[in-house]
C-alpha atoms as a PDB file:
ATOM      1  CA  MET A   1     -60.551 -21.856  60.793  1.00  0.00           C
ATOM      2  CA  ASP A   2     -60.764 -24.363  57.930  1.00  0.00           C
ATOM      3  CA  GLU A   3     -60.212 -23.181  54.390  1.00  0.00           C
ATOM      4  CA  PRO A   4     -63.545 -22.071  52.882  1.00  0.00           C
ATOM      5  CA  VAL A   5     -65.122 -24.226  50.194  1.00  0.00           C
ATOM      6  CA  LYS A   6     -64.932 -22.887  46.635  1.00  0.00           C
ATOM      7  CA  GLU A   7     -67.885 -24.155  44.652  1.00  0.00           C
ATOM      8  CA  VAL A   8     -67.706 -23.570  40.900  1.00  0.00           C
ATOM      9  CA  CYS A   9     -70.740 -23.552  38.638  1.00  0.00           C
ATOM     10  CA  VAL A  10     -70.364 -25.575  35.413  1.00  0.00           C
ATOM     11  CA  GLU A  11     -72.672 -26.638  32.567  1.00  0.00           C
ATOM     12  CA  SER A  12     -70.784 -29.523  30.956  1.00  0.00           C
ATOM     13  CA  PHE A  13     -68.576 -32.497  31.727  1.00  0.00           C
ATOM     14  CA  GLN A  14     -65.673 -30.781  29.956  1.00  0.00           C
ATOM     15  CA  GLU A  15     -65.944 -27.715  32.190  1.00  0.00           C
ATOM     16  CA  ALA A  16     -66.228 -29.889  35.270  1.00  0.00           C
ATOM     17  CA  MET A  17     -63.101 -31.821  34.294  1.00  0.00           C
ATOM     18  CA  VAL A  18     -61.060 -28.646  33.696  1.00  0.00           C
ATOM     19  CA  LEU A  19     -62.167 -26.923  36.893  1.00  0.00           C
ATOM     20  CA  ALA A  20     -61.750 -30.018  39.068  1.00  0.00           C
ATOM     21  CA  ALA A  21     -58.174 -30.273  37.802  1.00  0.00           C
ATOM     22  CA  ALA A  22     -57.682 -26.559  38.524  1.00  0.00           C
ATOM     23  CA  GLY A  23     -58.636 -26.966  42.177  1.00  0.00           C
ATOM     24  CA  ALA A  24     -62.404 -26.576  42.481  1.00  0.00           C
ATOM     25  CA  MET A  25     -63.398 -28.175  45.789  1.00  0.00           C
ATOM     26  CA  ARG A  26     -66.986 -28.716  44.694  1.00  0.00           C
ATOM     27  CA  ILE A  27     -68.965 -28.139  41.536  1.00  0.00           C
ATOM     28  CA  GLU A  28     -72.562 -27.168  40.957  1.00  0.00           C
ATOM     29  CA  LEU A  29     -73.525 -29.115  37.852  1.00  0.00           C
ATOM     30  CA  CYS A  30     -76.166 -27.470  35.652  1.00  0.00           C
ATOM     31  CA  ASP A  31     -77.412 -27.152  32.124  1.00  0.00           C
ATOM     32  CA  ASN A  32     -78.631 -23.921  30.459  1.00  0.00           C
ATOM     33  CA  LEU A  33     -76.842 -21.367  32.607  1.00  0.00           C
ATOM     34  CA  ALA A  34     -78.198 -18.686  30.262  1.00  0.00           C
ATOM     35  CA  VAL A  35     -81.528 -19.084  32.111  1.00  0.00           C
ATOM     36  CA  GLY A  36     -79.930 -19.519  35.525  1.00  0.00           C
ATOM     37  CA  GLY A  37     -79.401 -23.269  35.298  1.00  0.00           C
ATOM     38  CA  THR A  38     -81.611 -26.314  34.743  1.00  0.00           C
ATOM     39  CA  THR A  39     -81.167 -30.020  35.465  1.00  0.00           C
ATOM     40  CA  PRO A  40     -78.274 -31.595  33.513  1.00  0.00           C
ATOM     41  CA  SER A  41     -78.717 -34.837  31.598  1.00  0.00           C
ATOM     42  CA  TYR A  42     -78.454 -38.284  33.158  1.00  0.00           C
ATOM     43  CA  GLY A  43     -75.371 -38.980  31.051  1.00  0.00           C
ATOM     44  CA  THR A  44     -73.616 -35.802  32.157  1.00  0.00           C
ATOM     45  CA  ILE A  45     -74.322 -36.475  35.829  1.00  0.00           C
ATOM     46  CA  LYS A  46     -73.144 -40.081  35.543  1.00  0.00           C
ATOM     47  CA  GLN A  47     -69.944 -39.139  33.743  1.00  0.00           C
ATOM     48  CA  VAL A  48     -69.034 -36.475  36.318  1.00  0.00           C
ATOM     49  CA  ILE A  49     -69.734 -38.791  39.264  1.00  0.00           C
ATOM     50  CA  SER A  50     -67.872 -41.765  37.801  1.00  0.00           C
ATOM     51  CA  LYS A  51     -64.880 -39.981  36.266  1.00  0.00           C
ATOM     52  CA  LEU A  52     -64.052 -36.998  38.480  1.00  0.00           C
ATOM     53  CA  GLN A  53     -62.774 -36.896  42.042  1.00  0.00           C
ATOM     54  CA  VAL A  54     -64.834 -33.874  43.059  1.00  0.00           C
ATOM     55  CA  SER A  55     -68.060 -33.436  45.032  1.00  0.00           C
ATOM     56  CA  ALA A  56     -70.973 -32.483  42.790  1.00  0.00           C
ATOM     57  CA  MET A  57     -74.154 -30.618  43.666  1.00  0.00           C
ATOM     58  CA  VAL A  58     -76.689 -31.214  40.878  1.00  0.00           C
ATOM     59  CA  MET A  59     -79.230 -28.567  39.903  1.00  0.00           C
ATOM     60  CA  ILE A  60     -82.817 -29.805  40.132  1.00  0.00           C
ATOM     61  CA  ARG A  61     -84.815 -27.324  38.069  1.00  0.00           C
ATOM     62  CA  PRO A  62     -87.149 -28.432  35.275  1.00  0.00           C
ATOM     63  CA  ARG A  63     -87.164 -25.103  33.398  1.00  0.00           C
ATOM     64  CA  GLY A  64     -86.051 -21.494  33.445  1.00  0.00           C
ATOM     65  CA  GLY A  65     -88.321 -18.690  34.598  1.00  0.00           C
ATOM     66  CA  ASP A  66     -89.951 -18.414  38.003  1.00  0.00           C
ATOM     67  CA  PHE A  67     -89.733 -20.860  40.896  1.00  0.00           C
ATOM     68  CA  CYS A  68     -93.449 -21.662  41.245  1.00  0.00           C
ATOM     69  CA  TYR A  69     -93.882 -25.213  40.017  1.00  0.00           C
ATOM     70  CA  SER A  70     -96.921 -27.215  38.964  1.00  0.00           C
ATOM     71  CA  PRO A  71     -97.618 -30.691  40.414  1.00  0.00           C
ATOM     72  CA  ASP A  72     -96.236 -32.204  37.186  1.00  0.00           C
ATOM     73  CA  GLU A  73     -93.033 -30.166  37.503  1.00  0.00           C
ATOM     74  CA  ILE A  74     -92.659 -31.218  41.142  1.00  0.00           C
ATOM     75  CA  GLU A  75     -92.933 -34.841  40.017  1.00  0.00           C
ATOM     76  CA  ILE A  76     -90.219 -34.216  37.401  1.00  0.00           C
ATOM     77  CA  MET A  77     -88.016 -32.809  40.188  1.00  0.00           C
ATOM     78  CA  ARG A  78     -88.693 -35.884  42.338  1.00  0.00           C
ATOM     79  CA  GLN A  79     -87.697 -38.179  39.485  1.00  0.00           C
ATOM     80  CA  ASP A  80     -84.508 -36.214  38.864  1.00  0.00           C
ATOM     81  CA  ILE A  81     -83.677 -36.389  42.579  1.00  0.00           C
ATOM     82  CA  LEU A  82     -84.257 -40.150  42.399  1.00  0.00           C
ATOM     83  CA  VAL A  83     -81.735 -40.367  39.543  1.00  0.00           C
ATOM     84  CA  CYS A  84     -79.221 -38.504  41.718  1.00  0.00           C
ATOM     85  CA  HIS A  85     -79.863 -40.993  44.525  1.00  0.00           C
ATOM     86  CA  GLU A  86     -79.205 -43.893  42.174  1.00  0.00           C
ATOM     87  CA  LEU A  87     -75.982 -42.365  40.838  1.00  0.00           C
ATOM     88  CA  GLY A  88     -74.570 -41.599  44.291  1.00  0.00           C
ATOM     89  CA  VAL A  89     -74.562 -37.823  43.893  1.00  0.00           C
ATOM     90  CA  TYR A  90     -73.219 -35.793  46.836  1.00  0.00           C
ATOM     91  CA  GLY A  91     -76.069 -33.297  46.840  1.00  0.00           C
ATOM     92  CA  VAL A  92     -78.854 -31.495  45.005  1.00  0.00           C
ATOM     93  CA  VAL A  93     -79.789 -27.859  44.515  1.00  0.00           C
ATOM     94  CA  PHE A  94     -83.324 -26.524  44.201  1.00  0.00           C
ATOM     95  CA  GLY A  95     -85.595 -23.671  45.212  1.00  0.00           C
ATOM     96  CA  LEU A  96     -89.367 -23.434  45.432  1.00  0.00           C
ATOM     97  CA  LEU A  97     -91.427 -20.286  45.944  1.00  0.00           C
ATOM     98  CA  ASN A  98     -95.109 -19.439  46.260  1.00  0.00           C
ATOM     99  CA  PRO A  99     -96.757 -17.020  43.792  1.00  0.00           C
ATOM    100  CA  ASP A 100     -96.228 -14.193  46.319  1.00  0.00           C
ATOM    101  CA  ASN A 101     -92.465 -14.924  46.330  1.00  0.00           C
ATOM    102  CA  THR A 102     -92.373 -16.473  49.783  1.00  0.00           C
ATOM    103  CA  ILE A 103     -90.700 -19.830  50.462  1.00  0.00           C
ATOM    104  CA  ASP A 104     -92.927 -22.773  49.524  1.00  0.00           C
ATOM    105  CA  ILE A 105     -92.349 -24.376  52.910  1.00  0.00           C
ATOM    106  CA  GLU A 106     -94.506 -27.484  52.510  1.00  0.00           C
ATOM    107  CA  ARG A 107     -93.097 -28.649  49.190  1.00  0.00           C
ATOM    108  CA  THR A 108     -89.545 -27.644  50.119  1.00  0.00           C
ATOM    109  CA  MET A 109     -89.834 -29.855  53.209  1.00  0.00           C
ATOM    110  CA  GLU A 110     -91.122 -32.728  51.071  1.00  0.00           C
ATOM    111  CA  LEU A 111     -88.245 -32.494  48.592  1.00  0.00           C
ATOM    112  CA  VAL A 112     -85.619 -32.100  51.341  1.00  0.00           C
ATOM    113  CA  GLU A 113     -86.886 -35.269  53.017  1.00  0.00           C
ATOM    114  CA  PHE A 114     -87.034 -37.077  49.655  1.00  0.00           C
ATOM    115  CA  ALA A 115     -83.447 -36.039  48.871  1.00  0.00           C
ATOM    116  CA  ARG A 116     -81.888 -37.399  52.066  1.00  0.00           C
ATOM    117  CA  PRO A 117     -79.243 -38.535  52.792  1.00  0.00           C
ATOM    118  CA  MET A 118     -77.909 -36.247  50.052  1.00  0.00           C
ATOM    119  CA  GLN A 119     -76.943 -32.694  50.921  1.00  0.00           C
ATOM    120  CA  VAL A 120     -79.439 -29.981  49.970  1.00  0.00           C
ATOM    121  CA  THR A 121     -78.775 -26.407  48.842  1.00  0.00           C
ATOM    122  CA  PHE A 122     -81.625 -23.916  48.416  1.00  0.00           C
ATOM    123  CA  HIS A 123     -80.481 -21.821  45.464  1.00  0.00           C
ATOM    124  CA  LYS A 124     -80.760 -18.134  44.567  1.00  0.00           C
ATOM    125  CA  ALA A 125     -84.540 -18.291  44.397  1.00  0.00           C
ATOM    126  CA  ILE A 126     -84.186 -16.922  47.927  1.00  0.00           C
ATOM    127  CA  ASP A 127     -83.010 -13.630  46.433  1.00  0.00           C
ATOM    128  CA  ASP A 128     -86.457 -13.206  44.869  1.00  0.00           C
ATOM    129  CA  THR A 129     -88.147 -13.249  48.284  1.00  0.00           C
ATOM    130  CA  SER A 130     -89.124  -9.963  49.903  1.00  0.00           C
ATOM    131  CA  ASP A 131     -87.745 -10.848  53.345  1.00  0.00           C
ATOM    132  CA  LEU A 132     -84.464 -12.708  53.021  1.00  0.00           C
ATOM    133  CA  LEU A 133     -83.848 -12.922  56.748  1.00  0.00           C
ATOM    134  CA  LEU A 134     -87.238 -14.532  57.385  1.00  0.00           C
ATOM    135  CA  SER A 135     -86.564 -16.888  54.474  1.00  0.00           C
ATOM    136  CA  VAL A 136     -83.232 -17.941  56.015  1.00  0.00           C
ATOM    137  CA  ARG A 137     -84.957 -18.694  59.330  1.00  0.00           C
ATOM    138  CA  GLN A 138     -87.594 -20.790  57.550  1.00  0.00           C
ATOM    139  CA  LEU A 139     -85.001 -22.770  55.588  1.00  0.00           C
ATOM    140  CA  LYS A 140     -82.960 -23.315  58.744  1.00  0.00           C
ATOM    141  CA  ASN A 141     -86.065 -24.713  60.453  1.00  0.00           C
ATOM    142  CA  ILE A 142     -86.696 -27.019  57.502  1.00  0.00           C
ATOM    143  CA  GLY A 143     -83.159 -28.363  57.808  1.00  0.00           C
ATOM    144  CA  VAL A 144     -81.650 -27.233  54.518  1.00  0.00           C
ATOM    145  CA  ASP A 145     -77.859 -27.661  54.608  1.00  0.00           C
ATOM    146  CA  ARG A 146     -76.923 -24.489  52.768  1.00  0.00           C
ATOM    147  CA  VAL A 147     -78.395 -21.460  51.034  1.00  0.00           C
ATOM    148  CA  LEU A 148     -76.921 -19.814  47.938  1.00  0.00           C
ATOM    149  CA  SER A 149     -77.381 -16.038  47.901  1.00  0.00           C
ATOM    150  CA  SER A 150     -75.985 -12.688  46.886  1.00  0.00           C
ATOM    151  CA  GLY A 151     -78.024 -10.944  49.560  1.00  0.00           C
ATOM    152  CA  GLY A 152     -80.820 -10.024  47.177  1.00  0.00           C
ATOM    153  CA  LYS A 153     -78.495  -7.892  45.050  1.00  0.00           C
ATOM    154  CA  PRO A 154     -76.758  -8.495  41.699  1.00  0.00           C
ATOM    155  CA  THR A 155     -73.378  -8.976  43.404  1.00  0.00           C
ATOM    156  CA  ALA A 156     -72.097 -10.190  46.759  1.00  0.00           C
ATOM    157  CA  MET A 157     -70.386  -6.835  47.276  1.00  0.00           C
ATOM    158  CA  GLU A 158     -73.717  -5.002  46.966  1.00  0.00           C
ATOM    159  CA  GLY A 159     -75.486  -7.566  49.153  1.00  0.00           C
ATOM    160  CA  CYS A 160     -72.751  -7.571  51.792  1.00  0.00           C
ATOM    161  CA  GLU A 161     -74.835  -6.159  54.663  1.00  0.00           C
ATOM    162  CA  VAL A 162     -77.706  -8.608  54.158  1.00  0.00           C
ATOM    163  CA  LEU A 163     -75.340 -11.553  53.638  1.00  0.00           C
ATOM    164  CA  LEU A 164     -73.645 -10.856  56.968  1.00  0.00           C
ATOM    165  CA  LYS A 165     -77.048 -10.921  58.700  1.00  0.00           C
ATOM    166  CA  MET A 166     -77.967 -14.142  56.893  1.00  0.00           C
ATOM    167  CA  ILE A 167     -74.702 -15.763  58.024  1.00  0.00           C
ATOM    168  CA  GLU A 168     -75.411 -14.710  61.602  1.00  0.00           C
ATOM    169  CA  ILE A 169     -78.917 -16.229  61.510  1.00  0.00           C
ATOM    170  CA  ALA A 170     -77.661 -19.448  59.902  1.00  0.00           C
ATOM    171  CA  GLY A 171     -75.131 -19.960  62.691  1.00  0.00           C
ATOM    172  CA  ASP A 172     -73.441 -23.347  62.812  1.00  0.00           C
ATOM    173  CA  GLU A 173     -76.519 -25.248  61.634  1.00  0.00           C
ATOM    174  CA  MET A 174     -76.585 -24.058  58.029  1.00  0.00           C
ATOM    175  CA  SER A 175     -74.100 -22.539  55.590  1.00  0.00           C
ATOM    176  CA  ILE A 176     -74.629 -19.423  53.522  1.00  0.00           C
ATOM    177  CA  ILE A 177     -72.860 -19.811  50.177  1.00  0.00           C
ATOM    178  CA  VAL A 178     -71.781 -16.321  49.156  1.00  0.00           C
ATOM    179  CA  ALA A 179     -72.461 -15.763  45.450  1.00  0.00           C
ATOM    180  CA  GLY A 180     -72.796 -12.943  42.953  1.00  0.00           C
ATOM    181  CA  LYS A 181     -69.776 -12.125  40.772  1.00  0.00           C
ATOM    182  CA  VAL A 182     -67.354 -13.840  43.164  1.00  0.00           C
ATOM    183  CA  THR A 183     -64.178 -14.529  41.165  1.00  0.00           C
ATOM    184  CA  TRP A 184     -60.615 -15.614  41.816  1.00  0.00           C
ATOM    185  CA  GLU A 185     -59.580 -11.977  41.268  1.00  0.00           C
ATOM    186  CA  ASN A 186     -61.796 -10.488  44.003  1.00  0.00           C
ATOM    187  CA  PHE A 187     -61.928 -13.510  46.310  1.00  0.00           C
ATOM    188  CA  GLY A 188     -59.455 -12.056  48.832  1.00  0.00           C
ATOM    189  CA  GLU A 189     -61.504  -8.883  49.190  1.00  0.00           C
ATOM    190  CA  ILE A 190     -64.840 -10.714  49.432  1.00  0.00           C
ATOM    191  CA  ILE A 191     -63.652 -13.224  52.026  1.00  0.00           C
ATOM    192  CA  HIS A 192     -62.453 -10.290  54.135  1.00  0.00           C
ATOM    193  CA  LEU A 193     -65.729  -8.352  53.789  1.00  0.00           C
ATOM    194  CA  ILE A 194     -68.048 -11.362  54.052  1.00  0.00           C
ATOM    195  CA  PRO A 195     -66.467 -14.132  56.139  1.00  0.00           C
ATOM    196  CA  SER A 196     -68.302 -17.384  55.403  1.00  0.00           C
ATOM    197  CA  THR A 197     -67.527 -21.081  55.062  1.00  0.00           C
ATOM    198  CA  GLU A 198     -68.497 -21.394  51.383  1.00  0.00           C
ATOM    199  CA  TYR A 199     -68.325 -19.313  48.195  1.00  0.00           C
ATOM    200  CA  HIS A 200     -69.753 -19.840  44.715  1.00  0.00           C
ATOM    201  CA  GLY A 201     -68.897 -18.509  41.291  1.00  0.00           C
ATOM    202  CA  ARG A 202     -68.430 -19.228  37.624  1.00  0.00           C
ATOM    203  CA  ARG A 203     -64.835 -17.958  37.690  1.00  0.00           C
ATOM    204  CA  LEU A 204     -63.846 -18.746  41.258  1.00  0.00           C
ATOM    205  CA  VAL A 205     -60.919 -20.957  40.260  1.00  0.00           C
ATOM    206  CA  LYS A 206     -58.178 -19.754  37.932  1.00  0.00           C
ATOM    207  CA  TYR A 207     -57.429 -22.087  35.025  1.00  0.00           C
END
């Protein structure tokens, strides 16, 4: 089995540079992590892509708060995805829900198609849905490349049972990125409890 991907969440070029040098295989590039992450600036994205030898997944989220977006906010997301296209970004990260906290299938499909050929991750908005396993099936049908989740719980350890079911449903067609307080200290234990191909954390690489 190939070595699992360690994706590290960062909110600045400086952090990205340090963590890429420390061995991060991929970064999720955000701004405003205090609200769960929003879209980073054009300049930050460009600097990371042009200066660092690391794959970057760019957060596409116009604001903090819920994941139900107005038509204007969807257009902002489209424009930010277009910027990522132009800069040659590896992939983008977004999540769209309906007011009843189900997956917004129609607009997710539209943004996935608009983002191609970039990779697409559906982020932890999935953990706000009431039926995570149904949500995984829907995202798999849409053709999302990967889903970031802690199994609907604050930590991967607590969401272990659900994460294992999500990984089983995803199969070989989609990756489940295990998240939720995954660190370099507990990585050995988590990879044993929740075998997956990808893991995500703020402190997943020691530096």
